[in-house]
Amino acid sequence: MCTDAAHPWVGAYWPAAHLIGYEHGFVSMAADMARSLAGEKPALPLPDFEDAFRTQCVLEAALRSARSGAWVRPDTLA
């Protein structure tokens, strides 16, 4: 929950015990990206192209596995 006192975005959201919607995660990510572009440190680590590449390898392995019915290791697709 982003409403815990220790969370870096606590000041931007509702008080504790108020639920936050799915879309707020994207708002928080956009805020961190803007902070980073402004030369400030983001509240949480930002993903990079390496993270995106590894994610794509996992997705590709899942597709190939579904087509073939066999296990496909994501690390063999790099």
Protein backbone atom coordinates (compact mmCIF):
# COMPACT_ATOMS: atom_id res chain seq x y z
CA MET A 1 0.00 0.00 0.00
CA CYS A 2 1.26 3.46 -0.88
CA THR A 3 -0.45 4.85 2.19
CA ASP A 4 2.04 3.31 4.66
CA ALA A 5 4.03 6.06 6.34
CA ALA A 6 7.31 4.56 5.06
CA HIS A 7 6.29 4.53 1.37
CA PRO A 8 8.05 7.17 -0.77
CA TRP A 9 4.78 8.34 -2.37
CA VAL A 10 2.67 8.52 0.81
CA GLY A 11 2.33 12.30 0.57
CA ALA A 12 0.76 12.10 -2.90
CA TYR A 13 -2.17 9.83 -2.05
CA TRP A 14 -5.14 9.38 0.27
CA PRO A 15 -4.70 8.79 4.01
CA ALA A 16 -4.15 5.27 5.36
CA ALA A 17 -6.97 2.75 4.90
CA HIS A 18 -8.20 4.38 1.68
CA LEU A 19 -7.70 2.08 -1.29
CA ILE A 20 -5.70 3.21 -4.28
CA GLY A 21 -6.59 2.19 -7.82
CA TYR A 22 -4.53 0.37 -10.42
CA GLU A 23 -3.96 3.57 -12.38
CA HIS A 24 -2.11 5.22 -9.48
CA GLY A 25 0.87 2.92 -10.08
CA PHE A 26 1.26 4.48 -13.51
CA VAL A 27 0.92 7.99 -12.11
CA SER A 28 3.67 7.21 -9.60
CA MET A 29 5.92 5.79 -12.34
CA ALA A 30 5.39 8.91 -14.47
CA ALA A 31 6.27 11.10 -11.48
CA ASP A 32 9.49 9.15 -10.91
CA MET A 33 10.41 9.38 -14.58
CA ALA A 34 9.88 13.16 -14.47
CA ARG A 35 12.02 13.40 -11.33
CA SER A 36 14.75 11.41 -13.02
CA LEU A 37 14.67 13.60 -16.14
CA ALA A 38 14.92 16.67 -13.89
CA GLY A 39 18.10 15.27 -12.37
CA GLU A 40 16.47 14.20 -9.10
CA LYS A 41 16.62 10.75 -7.60
CA PRO A 42 13.43 8.76 -8.23
CA ALA A 43 11.53 7.44 -5.20
CA LEU A 44 11.89 3.85 -6.44
CA PRO A 45 14.31 2.23 -8.93
CA LEU A 46 13.25 2.72 -12.55
CA PRO A 47 13.30 -0.12 -15.07
CA ASP A 48 15.74 0.22 -17.96
CA PHE A 49 16.17 -1.32 -21.43
CA GLU A 50 17.86 -4.39 -19.95
CA ASP A 51 14.78 -5.00 -17.80
CA ALA A 52 12.54 -4.60 -20.85
CA PHE A 53 14.70 -7.00 -22.89
CA ARG A 54 14.58 -9.66 -20.19
CA THR A 55 10.83 -9.26 -19.86
CA GLN A 56 10.45 -9.68 -23.62
CA CYS A 57 12.55 -12.88 -23.49
CA VAL A 58 10.18 -14.30 -20.86
CA LEU A 59 7.13 -13.39 -22.95
CA GLU A 60 8.66 -14.90 -26.10
CA ALA A 61 9.53 -18.10 -24.22
CA ALA A 62 5.93 -18.33 -22.97
CA LEU A 63 4.58 -17.98 -26.51
CA ARG A 64 6.97 -20.57 -27.91
CA SER A 65 6.20 -22.93 -25.05
CA ALA A 66 2.45 -22.56 -25.60
CA ARG A 67 2.86 -23.31 -29.32
CA SER A 68 5.12 -26.31 -28.89
CA GLY A 69 3.84 -27.69 -25.59
CA ALA A 70 7.45 -27.93 -24.39
CA TRP A 71 9.48 -25.98 -21.85
CA VAL A 72 11.41 -23.04 -23.36
CA ARG A 73 14.10 -21.38 -21.26
CA PRO A 74 13.93 -17.57 -21.49
CA ASP A 75 17.70 -17.25 -21.07
CA THR A 76 18.31 -19.13 -24.34
CA LEU A 77 16.55 -16.43 -26.38
CA ALA A 78 18.99 -13.61 -25.68
